[in-house]
N, C-alpha and C. Protein backbone atom coordinates (compact mmCIF):
# COMPACT_ATOMS: atom_id res chain seq x y z
N UNK A 1 -25.43 -0.93 41.69
CA UNK A 1 -25.33 -2.03 40.77
C UNK A 1 -24.04 -2.80 41.11
N UNK A 2 -24.14 -4.10 41.10
CA UNK A 2 -23.00 -4.93 41.43
C UNK A 2 -22.00 -4.95 40.26
N UNK A 3 -20.74 -5.19 40.61
CA UNK A 3 -19.68 -5.17 39.59
C UNK A 3 -19.88 -6.21 38.51
N UNK A 4 -20.34 -7.43 38.92
CA UNK A 4 -20.57 -8.50 37.94
C UNK A 4 -21.65 -8.14 36.94
N UNK A 5 -22.70 -7.52 37.42
CA UNK A 5 -23.82 -7.12 36.55
C UNK A 5 -23.36 -6.01 35.59
N UNK A 6 -22.57 -5.10 36.11
CA UNK A 6 -22.04 -3.99 35.29
C UNK A 6 -21.11 -4.54 34.18
N UNK A 7 -20.27 -5.50 34.52
CA UNK A 7 -19.39 -6.08 33.53
C UNK A 7 -20.16 -6.82 32.45
N UNK A 8 -21.23 -7.51 32.83
CA UNK A 8 -22.06 -8.19 31.84
C UNK A 8 -22.68 -7.19 30.90
N UNK A 9 -23.22 -6.08 31.42
CA UNK A 9 -23.84 -5.06 30.55
C UNK A 9 -22.82 -4.45 29.62
N UNK A 10 -21.66 -4.14 30.14
CA UNK A 10 -20.59 -3.55 29.32
C UNK A 10 -20.21 -4.57 28.22
N UNK A 11 -20.04 -5.83 28.58
CA UNK A 11 -19.70 -6.85 27.61
C UNK A 11 -20.77 -7.02 26.55
N UNK A 12 -22.04 -7.03 26.96
CA UNK A 12 -23.12 -7.17 26.00
C UNK A 12 -23.17 -5.98 25.07
N UNK A 13 -23.03 -4.79 25.63
CA UNK A 13 -23.04 -3.60 24.82
C UNK A 13 -21.87 -3.62 23.80
N UNK A 14 -20.71 -4.00 24.27
CA UNK A 14 -19.53 -4.10 23.35
C UNK A 14 -19.79 -5.10 22.25
N UNK A 15 -20.36 -6.24 22.59
CA UNK A 15 -20.68 -7.27 21.57
C UNK A 15 -21.66 -6.78 20.55
N UNK A 16 -22.69 -6.07 20.99
CA UNK A 16 -23.68 -5.51 20.08
C UNK A 16 -23.02 -4.49 19.13
N UNK A 17 -22.16 -3.65 19.68
CA UNK A 17 -21.47 -2.65 18.86
C UNK A 17 -20.57 -3.32 17.83
N UNK A 18 -19.85 -4.35 18.22
CA UNK A 18 -18.96 -5.06 17.28
C UNK A 18 -19.77 -5.67 16.17
N UNK A 19 -20.89 -6.29 16.48
CA UNK A 19 -21.74 -6.92 15.45
C UNK A 19 -22.34 -5.81 14.55
N UNK A 20 -22.84 -4.72 15.15
CA UNK A 20 -23.41 -3.66 14.33
C UNK A 20 -22.36 -3.06 13.41
N UNK A 21 -21.12 -2.96 13.88
CA UNK A 21 -20.05 -2.36 13.07
C UNK A 21 -19.82 -3.13 11.79
N UNK A 22 -20.12 -4.40 11.77
CA UNK A 22 -19.91 -5.21 10.58
C UNK A 22 -20.80 -4.79 9.41
N UNK A 23 -21.85 -4.03 9.73
CA UNK A 23 -22.79 -3.62 8.68
C UNK A 23 -22.48 -2.26 8.10
N UNK A 24 -21.44 -1.63 8.60
CA UNK A 24 -21.00 -0.34 8.05
C UNK A 24 -20.21 -0.63 6.75
N UNK A 25 -20.70 -0.11 5.63
CA UNK A 25 -20.01 -0.41 4.36
C UNK A 25 -18.61 0.18 4.27
N UNK A 26 -17.71 -0.57 3.65
CA UNK A 26 -16.33 -0.16 3.45
C UNK A 26 -16.03 -0.32 1.96
N UNK A 27 -15.38 0.67 1.38
CA UNK A 27 -15.04 0.58 -0.05
C UNK A 27 -13.71 -0.15 -0.21
N UNK A 28 -13.80 -1.38 -0.70
CA UNK A 28 -12.63 -2.22 -1.01
C UNK A 28 -12.62 -2.40 -2.53
N UNK A 29 -12.12 -1.40 -3.19
CA UNK A 29 -12.16 -1.43 -4.65
C UNK A 29 -10.76 -1.60 -5.23
N UNK A 30 -10.75 -1.97 -6.49
CA UNK A 30 -9.54 -2.00 -7.29
C UNK A 30 -9.92 -1.39 -8.64
N UNK A 31 -9.78 -0.06 -8.77
CA UNK A 31 -10.09 0.57 -10.06
C UNK A 31 -9.24 -0.04 -11.18
N UNK A 32 -9.65 0.16 -12.39
CA UNK A 32 -8.86 -0.36 -13.53
C UNK A 32 -7.45 0.21 -13.51
N UNK A 33 -6.51 -0.60 -13.96
CA UNK A 33 -5.12 -0.17 -14.05
C UNK A 33 -4.99 0.60 -15.35
N UNK A 34 -4.65 1.89 -15.24
CA UNK A 34 -4.50 2.72 -16.45
C UNK A 34 -3.31 2.24 -17.21
N UNK A 35 -2.13 2.25 -16.61
CA UNK A 35 -0.88 1.79 -17.20
C UNK A 35 0.03 1.51 -16.02
N UNK A 36 0.71 0.43 -16.11
CA UNK A 36 1.58 0.06 -14.99
C UNK A 36 2.96 0.68 -15.12
N UNK A 37 3.63 0.86 -14.04
CA UNK A 37 4.97 1.39 -14.03
C UNK A 37 5.92 0.47 -14.77
N UNK A 38 6.87 1.05 -15.48
CA UNK A 38 7.84 0.27 -16.19
C UNK A 38 9.10 0.17 -15.31
N UNK A 39 9.56 -1.04 -15.11
CA UNK A 39 10.74 -1.28 -14.26
C UNK A 39 11.31 -2.63 -14.67
N UNK A 40 12.59 -2.85 -14.39
CA UNK A 40 13.15 -4.18 -14.64
C UNK A 40 12.37 -5.23 -13.86
N UNK A 41 12.36 -6.47 -14.38
CA UNK A 41 11.55 -7.52 -13.75
C UNK A 41 11.84 -7.71 -12.25
N UNK A 42 13.12 -7.64 -11.86
CA UNK A 42 13.42 -7.83 -10.41
C UNK A 42 12.84 -6.71 -9.56
N UNK A 43 12.87 -5.50 -10.08
CA UNK A 43 12.28 -4.35 -9.38
C UNK A 43 10.76 -4.49 -9.31
N UNK A 44 10.16 -4.88 -10.43
CA UNK A 44 8.69 -5.10 -10.48
C UNK A 44 8.27 -6.11 -9.43
N UNK A 45 9.05 -7.19 -9.30
CA UNK A 45 8.69 -8.22 -8.32
C UNK A 45 8.75 -7.65 -6.89
N UNK A 46 9.72 -6.82 -6.60
CA UNK A 46 9.85 -6.22 -5.29
C UNK A 46 8.68 -5.25 -5.07
N UNK A 47 8.37 -4.43 -6.05
CA UNK A 47 7.23 -3.51 -5.94
C UNK A 47 5.95 -4.24 -5.68
N UNK A 48 5.72 -5.31 -6.44
CA UNK A 48 4.50 -6.07 -6.25
C UNK A 48 4.39 -6.70 -4.83
N UNK A 49 5.51 -7.18 -4.35
CA UNK A 49 5.50 -7.84 -3.03
C UNK A 49 5.42 -6.86 -1.88
N UNK A 50 6.05 -5.71 -2.01
CA UNK A 50 6.20 -4.80 -0.88
C UNK A 50 5.38 -3.52 -0.98
N UNK A 51 4.92 -3.15 -2.18
CA UNK A 51 4.32 -1.82 -2.34
C UNK A 51 2.91 -1.84 -2.92
N UNK A 52 2.61 -2.79 -3.79
CA UNK A 52 1.36 -2.70 -4.58
C UNK A 52 0.09 -2.80 -3.76
N UNK A 53 0.08 -3.46 -2.61
CA UNK A 53 -1.15 -3.56 -1.87
C UNK A 53 -1.68 -2.20 -1.44
N UNK A 54 -0.80 -1.25 -1.17
CA UNK A 54 -1.20 0.08 -0.77
C UNK A 54 -1.02 1.14 -1.83
N UNK A 55 -0.16 0.84 -2.81
CA UNK A 55 0.23 1.88 -3.80
C UNK A 55 -0.05 1.46 -5.23
N UNK A 56 -1.17 0.77 -5.47
CA UNK A 56 -1.58 0.42 -6.82
C UNK A 56 -3.07 0.09 -6.79
N UNK A 57 -3.59 -0.13 -7.98
CA UNK A 57 -5.01 -0.56 -8.11
C UNK A 57 -5.09 -2.07 -8.13
N UNK A 58 -4.04 -2.74 -7.65
CA UNK A 58 -4.02 -4.20 -7.65
C UNK A 58 -3.92 -4.73 -6.20
N UNK A 59 -4.60 -4.08 -5.30
CA UNK A 59 -4.60 -4.48 -3.88
C UNK A 59 -5.16 -5.87 -3.70
N UNK A 60 -4.46 -6.68 -2.93
CA UNK A 60 -4.95 -7.98 -2.52
C UNK A 60 -5.63 -7.76 -1.18
N UNK A 61 -6.93 -7.78 -1.17
CA UNK A 61 -7.71 -7.51 0.06
C UNK A 61 -7.79 -8.81 0.87
N UNK A 62 -7.13 -8.87 2.01
CA UNK A 62 -7.15 -10.10 2.84
C UNK A 62 -8.50 -10.26 3.53
N UNK A 63 -8.70 -11.44 4.11
CA UNK A 63 -9.98 -11.75 4.77
C UNK A 63 -10.31 -10.73 5.85
N UNK A 64 -9.31 -10.25 6.59
CA UNK A 64 -9.58 -9.34 7.69
C UNK A 64 -9.96 -7.95 7.21
N UNK A 65 -9.88 -7.71 5.90
CA UNK A 65 -10.36 -6.43 5.37
C UNK A 65 -11.89 -6.38 5.34
N UNK A 66 -12.51 -7.46 5.77
CA UNK A 66 -13.96 -7.53 5.84
C UNK A 66 -14.50 -7.51 7.27
N UNK A 67 -13.58 -7.32 8.23
CA UNK A 67 -13.96 -7.35 9.65
C UNK A 67 -13.72 -5.97 10.27
N UNK A 68 -14.83 -5.33 10.67
CA UNK A 68 -14.69 -4.02 11.32
C UNK A 68 -14.19 -4.22 12.73
N UNK A 69 -13.45 -3.29 13.26
CA UNK A 69 -13.05 -1.99 12.74
C UNK A 69 -11.77 -2.03 11.91
N UNK A 70 -11.11 -3.19 11.81
CA UNK A 70 -9.89 -3.30 11.03
C UNK A 70 -10.17 -2.89 9.56
N UNK A 71 -11.28 -3.28 9.05
CA UNK A 71 -11.65 -3.00 7.64
C UNK A 71 -11.65 -1.47 7.39
N UNK A 72 -12.12 -0.70 8.33
CA UNK A 72 -12.13 0.75 8.16
C UNK A 72 -10.71 1.30 8.04
N UNK A 73 -9.85 0.86 8.99
CA UNK A 73 -8.46 1.34 9.00
C UNK A 73 -7.76 0.91 7.73
N UNK A 74 -7.92 -0.33 7.34
CA UNK A 74 -7.20 -0.86 6.18
C UNK A 74 -7.66 -0.16 4.88
N UNK A 75 -8.99 0.00 4.70
CA UNK A 75 -9.47 0.65 3.48
C UNK A 75 -9.00 2.12 3.43
N UNK A 76 -9.02 2.80 4.55
CA UNK A 76 -8.54 4.16 4.60
C UNK A 76 -7.06 4.22 4.25
N UNK A 77 -6.33 3.28 4.82
CA UNK A 77 -4.87 3.26 4.59
C UNK A 77 -4.55 3.03 3.10
N UNK A 78 -5.26 2.12 2.48
CA UNK A 78 -5.04 1.83 1.04
C UNK A 78 -5.39 3.04 0.19
N UNK A 79 -6.54 3.65 0.46
CA UNK A 79 -6.96 4.80 -0.34
C UNK A 79 -6.00 6.01 -0.16
N UNK A 80 -5.51 6.21 1.04
CA UNK A 80 -4.53 7.26 1.27
C UNK A 80 -3.22 6.90 0.57
N UNK A 81 -2.79 5.66 0.63
CA UNK A 81 -1.57 5.22 -0.03
C UNK A 81 -1.67 5.44 -1.54
N UNK A 82 -2.81 5.10 -2.11
CA UNK A 82 -2.98 5.31 -3.56
C UNK A 82 -2.96 6.79 -3.91
N UNK A 83 -3.49 7.62 -3.03
CA UNK A 83 -3.49 9.06 -3.26
C UNK A 83 -2.05 9.61 -3.26
N UNK A 84 -1.23 9.11 -2.35
CA UNK A 84 0.15 9.56 -2.25
C UNK A 84 1.01 9.05 -3.43
N UNK A 85 0.84 7.81 -3.79
CA UNK A 85 1.61 7.21 -4.87
C UNK A 85 0.87 6.00 -5.40
N UNK A 86 0.58 6.02 -6.69
CA UNK A 86 -0.18 4.90 -7.29
C UNK A 86 0.57 4.42 -8.52
N UNK A 87 1.22 3.27 -8.40
CA UNK A 87 2.01 2.73 -9.51
C UNK A 87 1.13 2.41 -10.72
N UNK A 88 -0.18 2.19 -10.52
CA UNK A 88 -1.08 1.90 -11.61
C UNK A 88 -1.35 3.15 -12.47
N UNK A 89 -0.95 4.30 -12.00
CA UNK A 89 -1.13 5.55 -12.74
C UNK A 89 0.20 6.21 -13.06
N UNK A 90 1.30 5.52 -12.80
CA UNK A 90 2.63 6.09 -12.90
C UNK A 90 2.89 6.71 -14.29
N UNK A 91 2.66 6.04 -15.41
CA UNK A 91 3.00 6.61 -16.70
C UNK A 91 2.16 7.85 -17.04
N UNK A 92 1.07 8.07 -16.35
CA UNK A 92 0.20 9.21 -16.62
C UNK A 92 0.78 10.47 -15.95
N UNK A 93 1.64 10.28 -14.96
CA UNK A 93 2.25 11.42 -14.26
C UNK A 93 3.18 12.17 -15.21
N UNK A 94 3.26 13.48 -15.03
CA UNK A 94 4.20 14.26 -15.81
C UNK A 94 5.62 14.05 -15.26
N UNK A 95 6.63 14.58 -15.98
CA UNK A 95 8.02 14.37 -15.61
C UNK A 95 8.29 14.83 -14.17
N UNK A 96 7.78 16.00 -13.84
CA UNK A 96 8.04 16.55 -12.50
C UNK A 96 7.43 15.68 -11.40
N UNK A 97 6.23 15.21 -11.63
CA UNK A 97 5.56 14.38 -10.64
C UNK A 97 6.31 13.01 -10.49
N UNK A 98 6.77 12.46 -11.59
CA UNK A 98 7.53 11.21 -11.52
C UNK A 98 8.85 11.45 -10.80
N UNK A 99 9.53 12.56 -11.09
CA UNK A 99 10.78 12.87 -10.42
C UNK A 99 10.56 13.00 -8.90
N UNK A 100 9.49 13.72 -8.55
CA UNK A 100 9.18 13.91 -7.13
C UNK A 100 8.84 12.58 -6.45
N UNK A 101 8.13 11.72 -7.15
CA UNK A 101 7.77 10.44 -6.60
C UNK A 101 9.01 9.58 -6.41
N UNK A 102 9.89 9.59 -7.36
CA UNK A 102 11.15 8.82 -7.23
C UNK A 102 11.98 9.33 -6.05
N UNK A 103 12.06 10.65 -5.88
CA UNK A 103 12.81 11.20 -4.75
C UNK A 103 12.15 10.81 -3.43
N UNK A 104 10.84 10.81 -3.40
CA UNK A 104 10.14 10.39 -2.18
C UNK A 104 10.36 8.91 -1.91
N UNK A 105 10.38 8.09 -2.95
CA UNK A 105 10.65 6.66 -2.76
C UNK A 105 12.04 6.46 -2.14
N UNK A 106 13.02 7.18 -2.66
CA UNK A 106 14.40 7.07 -2.13
C UNK A 106 14.40 7.47 -0.64
N UNK A 107 13.79 8.60 -0.33
CA UNK A 107 13.78 9.05 1.06
C UNK A 107 13.09 8.05 2.00
N UNK A 108 11.95 7.52 1.57
CA UNK A 108 11.20 6.61 2.40
C UNK A 108 11.98 5.32 2.67
N UNK A 109 12.63 4.80 1.61
CA UNK A 109 13.39 3.57 1.77
C UNK A 109 14.63 3.82 2.64
N UNK A 110 15.33 4.92 2.37
CA UNK A 110 16.53 5.21 3.16
C UNK A 110 16.22 5.39 4.64
N UNK A 111 15.08 6.00 4.93
CA UNK A 111 14.67 6.19 6.35
C UNK A 111 14.07 4.92 6.98
N UNK A 112 13.82 3.94 6.15
CA UNK A 112 13.21 2.70 6.64
C UNK A 112 11.73 2.86 6.95
N UNK A 113 11.11 3.85 6.34
CA UNK A 113 9.68 4.15 6.62
C UNK A 113 8.75 3.36 5.72
N UNK A 114 9.27 2.83 4.64
CA UNK A 114 8.46 2.06 3.71
C UNK A 114 9.19 0.77 3.40
N UNK A 115 8.50 -0.31 3.26
CA UNK A 115 7.10 -0.51 3.64
C UNK A 115 6.89 -0.29 5.15
N UNK A 116 5.68 0.10 5.50
CA UNK A 116 5.35 0.37 6.87
C UNK A 116 5.60 -0.87 7.76
N UNK A 117 6.01 -0.63 8.98
CA UNK A 117 6.25 -1.73 9.94
C UNK A 117 4.97 -2.55 10.15
N UNK A 118 3.83 -1.87 10.21
CA UNK A 118 2.57 -2.60 10.42
C UNK A 118 2.27 -3.52 9.26
N UNK A 119 2.65 -3.14 8.05
CA UNK A 119 2.44 -3.99 6.86
C UNK A 119 3.42 -5.17 6.88
N UNK A 120 4.67 -4.91 7.24
CA UNK A 120 5.70 -5.95 7.27
C UNK A 120 5.34 -7.06 8.28
N UNK A 121 4.64 -6.69 9.35
CA UNK A 121 4.29 -7.69 10.36
C UNK A 121 3.50 -8.87 9.75
N UNK A 122 2.54 -8.56 8.91
CA UNK A 122 1.70 -9.60 8.33
C UNK A 122 2.09 -10.02 6.94
N UNK A 123 3.15 -9.42 6.41
CA UNK A 123 3.60 -9.71 5.04
C UNK A 123 5.11 -9.90 4.99
N UNK A 124 5.59 -11.07 5.34
CA UNK A 124 7.04 -11.28 5.35
C UNK A 124 7.71 -11.00 4.04
N UNK A 125 7.02 -11.12 2.93
CA UNK A 125 7.59 -10.82 1.61
C UNK A 125 7.91 -9.34 1.43
N UNK A 126 7.38 -8.50 2.31
CA UNK A 126 7.61 -7.06 2.25
C UNK A 126 8.80 -6.64 3.11
N UNK A 127 9.43 -7.58 3.77
CA UNK A 127 10.61 -7.28 4.56
C UNK A 127 11.79 -7.31 3.62
N UNK A 128 12.22 -6.12 3.20
CA UNK A 128 13.25 -5.99 2.17
C UNK A 128 14.65 -6.19 2.76
N UNK A 129 15.43 -7.02 2.06
CA UNK A 129 16.83 -7.16 2.46
C UNK A 129 17.65 -6.07 1.78
N UNK A 130 18.91 -6.01 2.10
CA UNK A 130 19.80 -4.93 1.58
C UNK A 130 19.84 -4.93 0.06
N UNK A 131 19.87 -6.08 -0.56
CA UNK A 131 19.91 -6.19 -2.02
C UNK A 131 18.64 -5.64 -2.65
N UNK A 132 17.51 -5.97 -2.07
CA UNK A 132 16.22 -5.48 -2.61
C UNK A 132 16.13 -3.97 -2.48
N UNK A 133 16.54 -3.46 -1.30
CA UNK A 133 16.52 -2.03 -1.11
C UNK A 133 17.44 -1.32 -2.12
N UNK A 134 18.62 -1.89 -2.33
CA UNK A 134 19.56 -1.32 -3.30
C UNK A 134 18.96 -1.30 -4.69
N UNK A 135 18.29 -2.37 -5.09
CA UNK A 135 17.67 -2.43 -6.41
C UNK A 135 16.60 -1.36 -6.55
N UNK A 136 15.75 -1.18 -5.54
CA UNK A 136 14.73 -0.15 -5.58
C UNK A 136 15.36 1.25 -5.62
N UNK A 137 16.37 1.46 -4.82
CA UNK A 137 17.05 2.75 -4.81
C UNK A 137 17.68 3.07 -6.12
N UNK A 138 18.35 2.09 -6.74
CA UNK A 138 18.97 2.30 -8.05
C UNK A 138 17.91 2.66 -9.07
N UNK A 139 16.79 1.92 -9.06
CA UNK A 139 15.72 2.17 -10.00
C UNK A 139 15.13 3.60 -9.77
N UNK A 140 14.86 3.93 -8.52
CA UNK A 140 14.25 5.23 -8.22
C UNK A 140 15.17 6.37 -8.56
N UNK A 141 16.46 6.14 -8.42
CA UNK A 141 17.44 7.17 -8.77
C UNK A 141 17.71 7.25 -10.27
N UNK A 142 17.18 6.27 -11.01
CA UNK A 142 17.42 6.24 -12.45
C UNK A 142 18.63 5.48 -12.83
N UNK A 143 19.26 4.78 -11.87
CA UNK A 143 20.47 4.00 -12.13
C UNK A 143 20.15 2.55 -12.41
N UNK A 144 18.89 2.17 -12.29
CA UNK A 144 18.61 0.74 -12.32
C UNK A 144 17.80 0.25 -13.47
N UNK A 145 18.08 0.71 -14.64
CA UNK A 145 17.38 0.16 -15.80
C UNK A 145 16.53 1.21 -16.50
N UNK A 146 15.27 1.31 -16.11
CA UNK A 146 14.32 2.16 -16.85
C UNK A 146 14.30 3.53 -16.23
N UNK A 147 14.39 4.56 -17.08
CA UNK A 147 14.23 5.93 -16.54
C UNK A 147 12.97 6.55 -17.15
N UNK A 148 12.68 7.76 -16.77
CA UNK A 148 11.43 8.39 -17.19
C UNK A 148 11.37 8.52 -18.72
N UNK A 149 12.45 8.91 -19.33
CA UNK A 149 12.43 9.06 -20.79
C UNK A 149 12.17 7.73 -21.48
N UNK A 150 12.78 6.65 -20.98
CA UNK A 150 12.53 5.32 -21.55
C UNK A 150 11.08 4.92 -21.40
N UNK A 151 10.51 5.23 -20.26
CA UNK A 151 9.09 4.88 -20.06
C UNK A 151 8.22 5.55 -21.09
N UNK A 152 8.44 6.83 -21.34
CA UNK A 152 7.61 7.55 -22.29
C UNK A 152 7.86 7.12 -23.72
N UNK A 153 9.12 6.81 -24.04
CA UNK A 153 9.44 6.31 -25.39
C UNK A 153 8.65 5.07 -25.71
N UNK A 154 8.51 4.18 -24.73
CA UNK A 154 7.79 2.95 -24.90
C UNK A 154 6.29 3.15 -25.15
N UNK A 155 5.78 4.33 -24.77
CA UNK A 155 4.38 4.58 -24.96
C UNK A 155 4.01 5.15 -26.31
N UNK A 156 5.02 5.72 -26.98
CA UNK A 156 4.73 6.42 -28.26
C UNK A 156 5.39 5.76 -29.44
């Protein structure tokens, strides 16, 4: 078989697979928000801009979340992110779980691991400056306004 004919077959096969992949269903859901995390307004703004798409039930699903195979990766990423930390379920967590989550937030920010580099590429609002990082760190450490006890007091 000639190289040109082989390339055409490979290209046609790839095109058929890409089109067929669009019919594989992907779960792009936003479950109801049980209760949102309590934080000072400036911290809430940072969380919404840099964290909520992956770590809340308020995901903004972009147009490319409907195009396979990116849709598969993105939906899996969001569902895993919600499993690790979901701000829409924050007040439901017990004290120990909230403390652990806050410690994890501090570690992730200090290491520069969150928000993910892949997310920051397409979301410039998620590129945190030093002041925004400091505000999140203060809040997560309990130095920045609302602490766990205050959150629960507001519920009862």
